[in-house]
Amino acid sequence: MNDLFETPAYKLVRRDDPSTSHDAAEQLDVSKMERVVLAAITSFAANGCISDDVLRILPGYRYSTITARYKQLKEKGLIVTDYRKRKAESGRQQLVMWSKEFYQPEWADG
């Protein structure tokens, strides 16, 4: 059975990463982390969220553990981003993310 949340370990590391990174990637429960991050993003519903928001509601996880899931979730079509951004705590702009069921293009009628 092909589970949407089963990301192969080779997608979690770069070819030139140390062997310890490859070993760690094999040990991660990626499906669980993808579900955790997706649930966090989904909790913001139609408002969407930025990475700072996700990090704030998942304080028990490391930054890199959370942010690494965004790309995988986008590739699977589970989260959506467009051109919209919001100001982060750093003062820089971050892309707004939505769970696919809550995404509404800005031009769409409500």
PDB file of N, CA and C in Angstrom:
ATOM      1  N   MET A   1       0.840  -1.182   0.000  1.00  0.00           N
ATOM      2  CA  MET A   1       0.000   0.000   0.000  1.00  0.00           C
ATOM      3  C   MET A   1       0.888   1.249   0.000  1.00  0.00           C
ATOM      4  N   ASN A   2       0.554   2.219  -0.804  1.00  0.00           N
ATOM      5  CA  ASN A   2       1.341   3.444  -0.926  1.00  0.00           C
ATOM      6  C   ASN A   2       0.724   4.527  -0.048  1.00  0.00           C
ATOM      7  N   ASP A   3       1.311   4.753   1.110  1.00  0.00           N
ATOM      8  CA  ASP A   3       0.820   5.766   2.032  1.00  0.00           C
ATOM      9  C   ASP A   3       1.360   7.126   1.621  1.00  0.00           C
ATOM     10  N   LEU A   4       0.468   8.105   1.495  1.00  0.00           N
ATOM     11  CA  LEU A   4       0.841   9.456   1.098  1.00  0.00           C
ATOM     12  C   LEU A   4       1.895  10.052   2.014  1.00  0.00           C
ATOM     13  N   PHE A   5       1.918   9.622   3.279  1.00  0.00           N
ATOM     14  CA  PHE A   5       2.837  10.202   4.250  1.00  0.00           C
ATOM     15  C   PHE A   5       4.171   9.472   4.337  1.00  0.00           C
ATOM     16  N   GLU A   6       4.370   8.434   3.576  1.00  0.00           N
ATOM     17  CA  GLU A   6       5.632   7.702   3.642  1.00  0.00           C
ATOM     18  C   GLU A   6       6.651   8.330   2.699  1.00  0.00           C
ATOM     19  N   THR A   7       7.505   9.182   3.223  1.00  0.00           N
ATOM     20  CA  THR A   7       8.554   9.830   2.439  1.00  0.00           C
ATOM     21  C   THR A   7       9.819   9.005   2.568  1.00  0.00           C
ATOM     22  N   PRO A   8      10.419   8.610   1.422  1.00  0.00           N
ATOM     23  CA  PRO A   8      11.646   7.812   1.495  1.00  0.00           C
ATOM     24  C   PRO A   8      12.776   8.589   2.179  1.00  0.00           C
ATOM     25  N   ALA A   9      13.599   7.874   2.923  1.00  0.00           N
ATOM     26  CA  ALA A   9      14.688   8.507   3.677  1.00  0.00           C
ATOM     27  C   ALA A   9      15.640   9.276   2.773  1.00  0.00           C
ATOM     28  N   TYR A  10      15.849   8.803   1.539  1.00  0.00           N
ATOM     29  CA  TYR A  10      16.807   9.488   0.661  1.00  0.00           C
ATOM     30  C   TYR A  10      16.365  10.915   0.336  1.00  0.00           C
ATOM     31  N   LYS A  11      15.095  11.226   0.484  1.00  0.00           N
ATOM     32  CA  LYS A  11      14.622  12.589   0.229  1.00  0.00           C
ATOM     33  C   LYS A  11      14.880  13.512   1.411  1.00  0.00           C
ATOM     34  N   LEU A  12      15.316  12.962   2.517  1.00  0.00           N
ATOM     35  CA  LEU A  12      15.526  13.757   3.724  1.00  0.00           C
ATOM     36  C   LEU A  12      16.960  14.232   3.887  1.00  0.00           C
ATOM     37  N   VAL A  13      17.863  13.723   3.072  1.00  0.00           N
ATOM     38  CA  VAL A  13      19.277  14.098   3.161  1.00  0.00           C
ATOM     39  C   VAL A  13      19.837  14.327   1.770  1.00  0.00           C
ATOM     40  N   ARG A  14      20.937  15.079   1.737  1.00  0.00           N
ATOM     41  CA  ARG A  14      21.644  15.311   0.473  1.00  0.00           C
ATOM     42  C   ARG A  14      22.717  14.248   0.301  1.00  0.00           C
ATOM     43  N   ARG A  15      23.061  13.991  -0.923  1.00  0.00           N
ATOM     44  CA  ARG A  15      24.086  12.985  -1.227  1.00  0.00           C
ATOM     45  C   ARG A  15      25.382  13.198  -0.464  1.00  0.00           C
ATOM     46  N   ASP A  16      25.784  14.460  -0.322  1.00  0.00           N
ATOM     47  CA  ASP A  16      27.072  14.752   0.310  1.00  0.00           C
ATOM     48  C   ASP A  16      26.977  14.945   1.828  1.00  0.00           C
ATOM     49  N   ASP A  17      25.800  14.703   2.415  1.00  0.00           N
ATOM     50  CA  ASP A  17      25.674  14.783   3.877  1.00  0.00           C
ATOM     51  C   ASP A  17      26.473  13.643   4.517  1.00  0.00           C
ATOM     52  N   PRO A  18      26.940  13.848   5.750  1.00  0.00           N
ATOM     53  CA  PRO A  18      27.692  12.797   6.442  1.00  0.00           C
ATOM     54  C   PRO A  18      26.831  11.547   6.651  1.00  0.00           C
ATOM     55  N   SER A  19      27.481  10.435   6.840  1.00  0.00           N
ATOM     56  CA  SER A  19      26.765   9.170   7.016  1.00  0.00           C
ATOM     57  C   SER A  19      25.840   9.219   8.232  1.00  0.00           C
ATOM     58  N   THR A  20      26.207  10.009   9.238  1.00  0.00           N
ATOM     59  CA  THR A  20      25.345  10.111  10.419  1.00  0.00           C
ATOM     60  C   THR A  20      23.993  10.737  10.062  1.00  0.00           C
ATOM     61  N   SER A  21      23.989  11.657   9.113  1.00  0.00           N
ATOM     62  CA  SER A  21      22.731  12.258   8.664  1.00  0.00           C
ATOM     63  C   SER A  21      21.875  11.231   7.944  1.00  0.00           C
ATOM     64  N   HIS A  22      22.514  10.399   7.134  1.00  0.00           N
ATOM     65  CA  HIS A  22      21.785   9.344   6.431  1.00  0.00           C
ATOM     66  C   HIS A  22      21.213   8.348   7.431  1.00  0.00           C
ATOM     67  N   ASP A  23      21.994   8.003   8.449  1.00  0.00           N
ATOM     68  CA  ASP A  23      21.522   7.081   9.483  1.00  0.00           C
ATOM     69  C   ASP A  23      20.329   7.682  10.233  1.00  0.00           C
ATOM     70  N   ALA A  24      20.425   8.957  10.560  1.00  0.00           N
ATOM     71  CA  ALA A  24      19.344   9.627  11.280  1.00  0.00           C
ATOM     72  C   ALA A  24      18.078   9.675  10.434  1.00  0.00           C
ATOM     73  N   ALA A  25      18.222   9.913   9.142  1.00  0.00           N
ATOM     74  CA  ALA A  25      17.062   9.967   8.253  1.00  0.00           C
ATOM     75  C   ALA A  25      16.332   8.633   8.226  1.00  0.00           C
ATOM     76  N   GLU A  26      17.074   7.558   8.296  1.00  0.00           N
ATOM     77  CA  GLU A  26      16.464   6.228   8.310  1.00  0.00           C
ATOM     78  C   GLU A  26      15.670   5.986   9.598  1.00  0.00           C
ATOM     79  N   GLN A  27      16.062   6.658  10.687  1.00  0.00           N
ATOM     80  CA  GLN A  27      15.427   6.445  11.989  1.00  0.00           C
ATOM     81  C   GLN A  27      14.192   7.314  12.220  1.00  0.00           C
ATOM     82  N   LEU A  28      14.047   8.385  11.453  1.00  0.00           N
ATOM     83  CA  LEU A  28      12.945   9.320  11.673  1.00  0.00           C
ATOM     84  C   LEU A  28      11.598   8.700  11.338  1.00  0.00           C
ATOM     85  N   ASP A  29      10.603   9.021  12.123  1.00  0.00           N
ATOM     86  CA  ASP A  29       9.236   8.653  11.796  1.00  0.00           C
ATOM     87  C   ASP A  29       8.637   9.833  11.036  1.00  0.00           C
ATOM     88  N   VAL A  30       8.976   9.877   9.743  1.00  0.00           N
ATOM     89  CA  VAL A  30       8.590  11.019   8.919  1.00  0.00           C
ATOM     90  C   VAL A  30       7.079  11.127   8.805  1.00  0.00           C
ATOM     91  N   SER A  31       6.417  10.017   8.662  1.00  0.00           N
ATOM     92  CA  SER A  31       4.968  10.082   8.519  1.00  0.00           C
ATOM     93  C   SER A  31       4.330  10.770   9.730  1.00  0.00           C
ATOM     94  N   LYS A  32       4.830  10.478  10.921  1.00  0.00           N
ATOM     95  CA  LYS A  32       4.300  11.127  12.123  1.00  0.00           C
ATOM     96  C   LYS A  32       4.565  12.626  12.075  1.00  0.00           C
ATOM     97  N   MET A  33       5.794  13.025  11.741  1.00  0.00           N
ATOM     98  CA  MET A  33       6.118  14.452  11.728  1.00  0.00           C
ATOM     99  C   MET A  33       5.339  15.186  10.641  1.00  0.00           C
ATOM    100  N   GLU A  34       5.163  14.570   9.496  1.00  0.00           N
ATOM    101  CA  GLU A  34       4.361  15.209   8.452  1.00  0.00           C
ATOM    102  C   GLU A  34       2.933  15.411   8.944  1.00  0.00           C
ATOM    103  N   ARG A  35       2.403  14.435   9.629  1.00  0.00           N
ATOM    104  CA  ARG A  35       1.040  14.560  10.166  1.00  0.00           C
ATOM    105  C   ARG A  35       0.960  15.664  11.220  1.00  0.00           C
ATOM    106  N   VAL A  36       1.967  15.742  12.080  1.00  0.00           N
ATOM    107  CA  VAL A  36       2.000  16.767  13.127  1.00  0.00           C
ATOM    108  C   VAL A  36       2.041  18.161  12.500  1.00  0.00           C
ATOM    109  N   VAL A  37       2.920  18.352  11.533  1.00  0.00           N
ATOM    110  CA  VAL A  37       3.067  19.671  10.897  1.00  0.00           C
ATOM    111  C   VAL A  37       1.814  20.004  10.093  1.00  0.00           C
ATOM    112  N   LEU A  38       1.275  19.034   9.366  1.00  0.00           N
ATOM    113  CA  LEU A  38       0.047  19.279   8.606  1.00  0.00           C
ATOM    114  C   LEU A  38      -1.097  19.657   9.544  1.00  0.00           C
ATOM    115  N   ALA A  39      -1.228  18.979  10.657  1.00  0.00           N
ATOM    116  CA  ALA A  39      -2.287  19.302  11.625  1.00  0.00           C
ATOM    117  C   ALA A  39      -2.114  20.727  12.158  1.00  0.00           C
ATOM    118  N   ALA A  40      -0.872  21.114  12.403  1.00  0.00           N
ATOM    119  CA  ALA A  40      -0.615  22.478  12.888  1.00  0.00           C
ATOM    120  C   ALA A  40      -1.040  23.506  11.845  1.00  0.00           C
ATOM    121  N   ILE A  41      -0.663  23.289  10.597  1.00  0.00           N
ATOM    122  CA  ILE A  41      -1.028  24.224   9.521  1.00  0.00           C
ATOM    123  C   ILE A  41      -2.540  24.237   9.332  1.00  0.00           C
ATOM    124  N   THR A  42      -3.160  23.077   9.361  1.00  0.00           N
ATOM    125  CA  THR A  42      -4.612  22.969   9.191  1.00  0.00           C
ATOM    126  C   THR A  42      -5.355  23.713  10.295  1.00  0.00           C
ATOM    127  N   SER A  43      -4.785  23.754  11.492  1.00  0.00           N
ATOM    128  CA  SER A  43      -5.455  24.411  12.618  1.00  0.00           C
ATOM    129  C   SER A  43      -5.671  25.908  12.382  1.00  0.00           C
ATOM    130  N   PHE A  44      -4.957  26.494  11.442  1.00  0.00           N
ATOM    131  CA  PHE A  44      -5.121  27.920  11.145  1.00  0.00           C
ATOM    132  C   PHE A  44      -6.225  28.165  10.121  1.00  0.00           C
ATOM    133  N   ALA A  45      -6.799  27.083   9.605  1.00  0.00           N
ATOM    134  CA  ALA A  45      -7.938  27.135   8.685  1.00  0.00           C
ATOM    135  C   ALA A  45      -7.705  28.128   7.538  1.00  0.00           C
ATOM    136  N   ALA A  46      -8.734  28.898   7.198  1.00  0.00           N
ATOM    137  CA  ALA A  46      -8.659  29.798   6.044  1.00  0.00           C
ATOM    138  C   ALA A  46      -7.706  30.970   6.257  1.00  0.00           C
ATOM    139  N   ASN A  47      -7.326  31.250   7.503  1.00  0.00           N
ATOM    140  CA  ASN A  47      -6.378  32.334   7.764  1.00  0.00           C
ATOM    141  C   ASN A  47      -4.975  31.995   7.280  1.00  0.00           C
ATOM    142  N   GLY A  48      -4.671  30.701   7.193  1.00  0.00           N
ATOM    143  CA  GLY A  48      -3.318  30.300   6.844  1.00  0.00           C
ATOM    144  C   GLY A  48      -2.348  30.667   7.959  1.00  0.00           C
ATOM    145  N   CYS A  49      -1.095  30.347   7.746  1.00  0.00           N
ATOM    146  CA  CYS A  49      -0.089  30.634   8.768  1.00  0.00           C
ATOM    147  C   CYS A  49       1.273  30.793   8.108  1.00  0.00           C
ATOM    148  N   ILE A  50       2.194  31.342   8.865  1.00  0.00           N
ATOM    149  CA  ILE A  50       3.584  31.406   8.437  1.00  0.00           C
ATOM    150  C   ILE A  50       4.380  30.442   9.314  1.00  0.00           C
ATOM    151  N   SER A  51       5.597  30.212   8.952  1.00  0.00           N
ATOM    152  CA  SER A  51       6.431  29.281   9.694  1.00  0.00           C
ATOM    153  C   SER A  51       6.523  29.651  11.171  1.00  0.00           C
ATOM    154  N   ASP A  52       6.625  30.924  11.488  1.00  0.00           N
ATOM    155  CA  ASP A  52       6.678  31.356  12.888  1.00  0.00           C
ATOM    156  C   ASP A  52       5.466  30.849  13.670  1.00  0.00           C
ATOM    157  N   ASP A  53       4.287  30.860  13.038  1.00  0.00           N
ATOM    158  CA  ASP A  53       3.068  30.396  13.701  1.00  0.00           C
ATOM    159  C   ASP A  53       3.163  28.910  14.014  1.00  0.00           C
ATOM    160  N   VAL A  54       3.629  28.132  13.043  1.00  0.00           N
ATOM    161  CA  VAL A  54       3.752  26.688  13.231  1.00  0.00           C
ATOM    162  C   VAL A  54       4.752  26.399  14.350  1.00  0.00           C
ATOM    163  N   LEU A  55       5.889  27.068  14.311  1.00  0.00           N
ATOM    164  CA  LEU A  55       6.911  26.866  15.332  1.00  0.00           C
ATOM    165  C   LEU A  55       6.392  27.234  16.722  1.00  0.00           C
ATOM    166  N   ARG A  56       5.570  28.253  16.794  1.00  0.00           N
ATOM    167  CA  ARG A  56       5.029  28.713  18.084  1.00  0.00           C
ATOM    168  C   ARG A  56       4.086  27.667  18.692  1.00  0.00           C
ATOM    169  N   ILE A  57       3.298  26.983  17.876  1.00  0.00           N
ATOM    170  CA  ILE A  57       2.354  26.017  18.447  1.00  0.00           C
ATOM    171  C   ILE A  57       2.944  24.612  18.569  1.00  0.00           C
ATOM    172  N   LEU A  58       4.172  24.433  18.099  1.00  0.00           N
ATOM    173  CA  LEU A  58       4.865  23.142  18.252  1.00  0.00           C
ATOM    174  C   LEU A  58       6.196  23.336  18.987  1.00  0.00           C
ATOM    175  N   PRO A  59       6.167  23.866  20.193  1.00  0.00           N
ATOM    176  CA  PRO A  59       7.409  24.197  20.891  1.00  0.00           C
ATOM    177  C   PRO A  59       8.259  22.988  21.269  1.00  0.00           C
ATOM    178  N   GLY A  60       7.688  21.815  21.273  1.00  0.00           N
ATOM    179  CA  GLY A  60       8.438  20.626  21.666  1.00  0.00           C
ATOM    180  C   GLY A  60       9.296  20.034  20.560  1.00  0.00           C
ATOM    181  N   TYR A  61       9.247  20.646  19.371  1.00  0.00           N
ATOM    182  CA  TYR A  61      10.009  20.124  18.234  1.00  0.00           C
ATOM    183  C   TYR A  61      11.062  21.125  17.793  1.00  0.00           C
ATOM    184  N   ARG A  62      12.134  20.608  17.242  1.00  0.00           N
ATOM    185  CA  ARG A  62      13.221  21.473  16.754  1.00  0.00           C
ATOM    186  C   ARG A  62      12.810  22.170  15.462  1.00  0.00           C
ATOM    187  N   TYR A  63      13.378  23.340  15.265  1.00  0.00           N
ATOM    188  CA  TYR A  63      13.125  24.144  14.062  1.00  0.00           C
ATOM    189  C   TYR A  63      13.305  23.310  12.798  1.00  0.00           C
ATOM    190  N   SER A  64      14.441  22.634  12.691  1.00  0.00           N
ATOM    191  CA  SER A  64      14.743  21.894  11.462  1.00  0.00           C
ATOM    192  C   SER A  64      13.818  20.695  11.266  1.00  0.00           C
ATOM    193  N   THR A  65      13.326  20.128  12.347  1.00  0.00           N
ATOM    194  CA  THR A  65      12.401  18.999  12.247  1.00  0.00           C
ATOM    195  C   THR A  65      11.076  19.457  11.644  1.00  0.00           C
ATOM    196  N   ILE A  66      10.646  20.639  12.008  1.00  0.00           N
ATOM    197  CA  ILE A  66       9.382  21.182  11.499  1.00  0.00           C
ATOM    198  C   ILE A  66       9.543  21.705  10.074  1.00  0.00           C
ATOM    199  N   THR A  67      10.510  22.578   9.855  1.00  0.00           N
ATOM    200  CA  THR A  67      10.616  23.242   8.556  1.00  0.00           C
ATOM    201  C   THR A  67      10.959  22.283   7.419  1.00  0.00           C
ATOM    202  N   ALA A  68      11.595  21.185   7.728  1.00  0.00           N
ATOM    203  CA  ALA A  68      11.917  20.206   6.687  1.00  0.00           C
ATOM    204  C   ALA A  68      10.658  19.549   6.121  1.00  0.00           C
ATOM    205  N   ARG A  69       9.569  19.599   6.834  1.00  0.00           N
ATOM    206  CA  ARG A  69       8.331  18.951   6.369  1.00  0.00           C
ATOM    207  C   ARG A  69       7.566  19.794   5.356  1.00  0.00           C
ATOM    208  N   TYR A  70       7.802  21.102   5.308  1.00  0.00           N
ATOM    209  CA  TYR A  70       7.034  21.951   4.397  1.00  0.00           C
ATOM    210  C   TYR A  70       7.173  21.499   2.948  1.00  0.00           C
ATOM    211  N   LYS A  71       8.390  21.268   2.505  1.00  0.00           N
ATOM    212  CA  LYS A  71       8.618  20.876   1.113  1.00  0.00           C
ATOM    213  C   LYS A  71       7.906  19.565   0.793  1.00  0.00           C
ATOM    214  N   GLN A  72       8.000  18.600   1.691  1.00  0.00           N
ATOM    215  CA  GLN A  72       7.366  17.306   1.464  1.00  0.00           C
ATOM    216  C   GLN A  72       5.850  17.456   1.374  1.00  0.00           C
ATOM    217  N   LEU A  73       5.279  18.257   2.255  1.00  0.00           N
ATOM    218  CA  LEU A  73       3.836  18.454   2.249  1.00  0.00           C
ATOM    219  C   LEU A  73       3.382  19.194   0.991  1.00  0.00           C
ATOM    220  N   LYS A  74       4.192  20.146   0.513  1.00  0.00           N
ATOM    221  CA  LYS A  74       3.866  20.836  -0.747  1.00  0.00           C
ATOM    222  C   LYS A  74       3.925  19.872  -1.921  1.00  0.00           C
ATOM    223  N   GLU A  75       4.979  19.066  -1.976  1.00  0.00           N
ATOM    224  CA  GLU A  75       5.128  18.103  -3.074  1.00  0.00           C
ATOM    225  C   GLU A  75       3.962  17.124  -3.126  1.00  0.00           C
ATOM    226  N   LYS A  76       3.407  16.803  -1.982  1.00  0.00           N
ATOM    227  CA  LYS A  76       2.279  15.869  -1.918  1.00  0.00           C
ATOM    228  C   LYS A  76       0.944  16.570  -2.146  1.00  0.00           C
ATOM    229  N   GLY A  77       0.980  17.891  -2.308  1.00  0.00           N
ATOM    230  CA  GLY A  77      -0.251  18.641  -2.558  1.00  0.00           C
ATOM    231  C   GLY A  77      -1.118  18.823  -1.333  1.00  0.00           C
ATOM    232  N   LEU A  78      -0.538  18.674  -0.145  1.00  0.00           N
ATOM    233  CA  LEU A  78      -1.314  18.773   1.087  1.00  0.00           C
ATOM    234  C   LEU A  78      -1.335  20.182   1.663  1.00  0.00           C
ATOM    235  N   ILE A  79      -0.318  20.977   1.334  1.00  0.00           N
ATOM    236  CA  ILE A  79      -0.319  22.391   1.712  1.00  0.00           C
ATOM    237  C   ILE A  79      -0.054  23.220   0.465  1.00  0.00           C
ATOM    238  N   VAL A  80      -0.498  24.459   0.525  1.00  0.00           N
ATOM    239  CA  VAL A  80      -0.410  25.357  -0.623  1.00  0.00           C
ATOM    240  C   VAL A  80       0.181  26.689  -0.169  1.00  0.00           C
ATOM    241  N   THR A  81       1.026  27.257  -1.015  1.00  0.00           N
ATOM    242  CA  THR A  81       1.497  28.630  -0.836  1.00  0.00           C
ATOM    243  C   THR A  81       1.276  29.356  -2.151  1.00  0.00           C
ATOM    244  N   ASP A  82       1.207  30.654  -2.088  1.00  0.00           N
ATOM    245  CA  ASP A  82       1.182  31.465  -3.306  1.00  0.00           C
ATOM    246  C   ASP A  82       2.103  32.653  -3.064  1.00  0.00           C
ATOM    247  N   TYR A  83       1.807  33.778  -3.608  1.00  0.00           N
ATOM    248  CA  TYR A  83       2.679  34.951  -3.476  1.00  0.00           C
ATOM    249  C   TYR A  83       2.503  35.681  -2.144  1.00  0.00           C
ATOM    250  N   ARG A  84       1.478  35.379  -1.390  1.00  0.00           N
ATOM    251  CA  ARG A  84       1.182  36.130  -0.163  1.00  0.00           C
ATOM    252  C   ARG A  84       2.192  35.824   0.945  1.00  0.00           C
ATOM    253  N   LYS A  85       2.571  36.888   1.623  1.00  0.00           N
ATOM    254  CA  LYS A  85       3.545  36.791   2.709  1.00  0.00           C
ATOM    255  C   LYS A  85       3.051  37.605   3.897  1.00  0.00           C
ATOM    256  N   ARG A  86       3.613  37.290   5.068  1.00  0.00           N
ATOM    257  CA  ARG A  86       3.352  38.059   6.282  1.00  0.00           C
ATOM    258  C   ARG A  86       4.680  38.322   6.974  1.00  0.00           C
ATOM    259  N   LYS A  87       4.680  39.392   7.760  1.00  0.00           N
ATOM    260  CA  LYS A  87       5.889  39.762   8.483  1.00  0.00           C
ATOM    261  C   LYS A  87       6.127  38.800   9.639  1.00  0.00           C
ATOM    262  N   ALA A  88       7.339  38.260   9.697  1.00  0.00           N
ATOM    263  CA  ALA A  88       7.731  37.329  10.752  1.00  0.00           C
ATOM    264  C   ALA A  88       8.320  38.098  11.933  1.00  0.00           C
ATOM    265  N   GLU A  89       8.577  37.385  13.019  1.00  0.00           N
ATOM    266  CA  GLU A  89       9.184  38.008  14.192  1.00  0.00           C
ATOM    267  C   GLU A  89      10.534  38.627  13.877  1.00  0.00           C
ATOM    268  N   SER A  90      11.231  38.060  12.903  1.00  0.00           N
ATOM    269  CA  SER A  90      12.546  38.568  12.514  1.00  0.00           C
ATOM    270  C   SER A  90      12.454  39.883  11.750  1.00  0.00           C
ATOM    271  N   GLY A  91      11.240  40.239  11.324  1.00  0.00           N
ATOM    272  CA  GLY A  91      11.057  41.427  10.500  1.00  0.00           C
ATOM    273  C   GLY A  91      11.042  41.101   9.014  1.00  0.00           C
ATOM    274  N   ARG A  92      11.467  39.906   8.671  1.00  0.00           N
ATOM    275  CA  ARG A  92      11.451  39.471   7.276  1.00  0.00           C
ATOM    276  C   ARG A  92      10.081  38.904   6.943  1.00  0.00           C
ATOM    277  N   GLN A  93       9.828  38.773   5.649  1.00  0.00           N
ATOM    278  CA  GLN A  93       8.565  38.234   5.176  1.00  0.00           C
ATOM    279  C   GLN A  93       8.634  36.711   5.041  1.00  0.00           C
ATOM    280  N   GLN A  94       7.563  36.021   5.417  1.00  0.00           N
ATOM    281  CA  GLN A  94       7.459  34.574   5.242  1.00  0.00           C
ATOM    282  C   GLN A  94       6.208  34.271   4.422  1.00  0.00           C
ATOM    283  N   LEU A  95       6.308  33.233   3.593  1.00  0.00           N
ATOM    284  CA  LEU A  95       5.158  32.814   2.805  1.00  0.00           C
ATOM    285  C   LEU A  95       4.045  32.301   3.706  1.00  0.00           C
ATOM    286  N   VAL A  96       2.817  32.606   3.339  1.00  0.00           N
ATOM    287  CA  VAL A  96       1.659  32.076   4.043  1.00  0.00           C
ATOM    288  C   VAL A  96       1.390  30.675   3.491  1.00  0.00           C
ATOM    289  N   MET A  97       1.088  29.737   4.395  1.00  0.00           N
ATOM    290  CA  MET A  97       0.777  28.357   4.028  1.00  0.00           C
ATOM    291  C   MET A  97      -0.648  28.039   4.455  1.00  0.00           C
ATOM    292  N   TRP A  98      -1.323  27.254   3.635  1.00  0.00           N
ATOM    293  CA  TRP A  98      -2.661  26.771   3.947  1.00  0.00           C
ATOM    294  C   TRP A  98      -2.709  25.271   3.726  1.00  0.00           C
ATOM    295  N   SER A  99      -3.503  24.586   4.524  1.00  0.00           N
ATOM    296  CA  SER A  99      -3.855  23.218   4.218  1.00  0.00           C
ATOM    297  C   SER A  99      -4.728  23.288   2.967  1.00  0.00           C
ATOM    298  N   LYS A 100      -4.571  22.341   2.050  1.00  0.00           N
ATOM    299  CA  LYS A 100      -5.232  22.459   0.744  1.00  0.00           C
ATOM    300  C   LYS A 100      -6.733  22.673   0.842  1.00  0.00           C
ATOM    301  N   GLU A 101      -7.387  22.100   1.854  1.00  0.00           N
ATOM    302  CA  GLU A 101      -8.840  22.256   1.934  1.00  0.00           C
ATOM    303  C   GLU A 101      -9.276  23.655   2.335  1.00  0.00           C
ATOM    304  N   PHE A 102      -8.363  24.452   2.866  1.00  0.00           N
ATOM    305  CA  PHE A 102      -8.708  25.817   3.270  1.00  0.00           C
ATOM    306  C   PHE A 102      -8.173  26.883   2.330  1.00  0.00           C
ATOM    307  N   TYR A 103      -7.389  26.489   1.344  1.00  0.00           N
ATOM    308  CA  TYR A 103      -6.787  27.487   0.447  1.00  0.00           C
ATOM    309  C   TYR A 103      -7.834  28.117  -0.456  1.00  0.00           C
ATOM    310  N   GLN A 104      -7.843  29.435  -0.484  1.00  0.00           N
ATOM    311  CA  GLN A 104      -8.680  30.192  -1.399  1.00  0.00           C
ATOM    312  C   GLN A 104      -7.807  31.203  -2.110  1.00  0.00           C
ATOM    313  N   PRO A 105      -7.712  31.127  -3.425  1.00  0.00           N
ATOM    314  CA  PRO A 105      -6.967  32.172  -4.137  1.00  0.00           C
ATOM    315  C   PRO A 105      -7.579  33.531  -3.790  1.00  0.00           C
ATOM    316  N   GLU A 106      -6.757  34.538  -3.732  1.00  0.00           N
ATOM    317  CA  GLU A 106      -7.208  35.863  -3.315  1.00  0.00           C
ATOM    318  C   GLU A 106      -8.344  36.390  -4.188  1.00  0.00           C
ATOM    319  N   TRP A 107      -8.335  36.002  -5.427  1.00  0.00           N
ATOM    320  CA  TRP A 107      -9.348  36.492  -6.364  1.00  0.00           C
ATOM    321  C   TRP A 107     -10.662  35.715  -6.301  1.00  0.00           C
ATOM    322  N   ALA A 108     -10.688  34.600  -5.545  1.00  0.00           N
ATOM    323  CA  ALA A 108     -11.894  33.768  -5.494  1.00  0.00           C
ATOM    324  C   ALA A 108     -12.971  34.437  -4.661  1.00  0.00           C
ATOM    325  N   ASP A 109     -14.188  34.243  -5.065  1.00  0.00           N
ATOM    326  CA  ASP A 109     -15.332  34.735  -4.280  1.00  0.00           C
ATOM    327  C   ASP A 109     -15.576  33.769  -3.144  1.00  0.00           C
ATOM    328  N   GLY A 110     -15.743  34.275  -1.938  1.00  0.00           N
ATOM    329  CA  GLY A 110     -15.856  33.627  -0.741  1.00  0.00           C
ATOM    330  C   GLY A 110     -16.641  32.535  -0.331  1.00  0.00           C
TER     331      GLY A 110
END
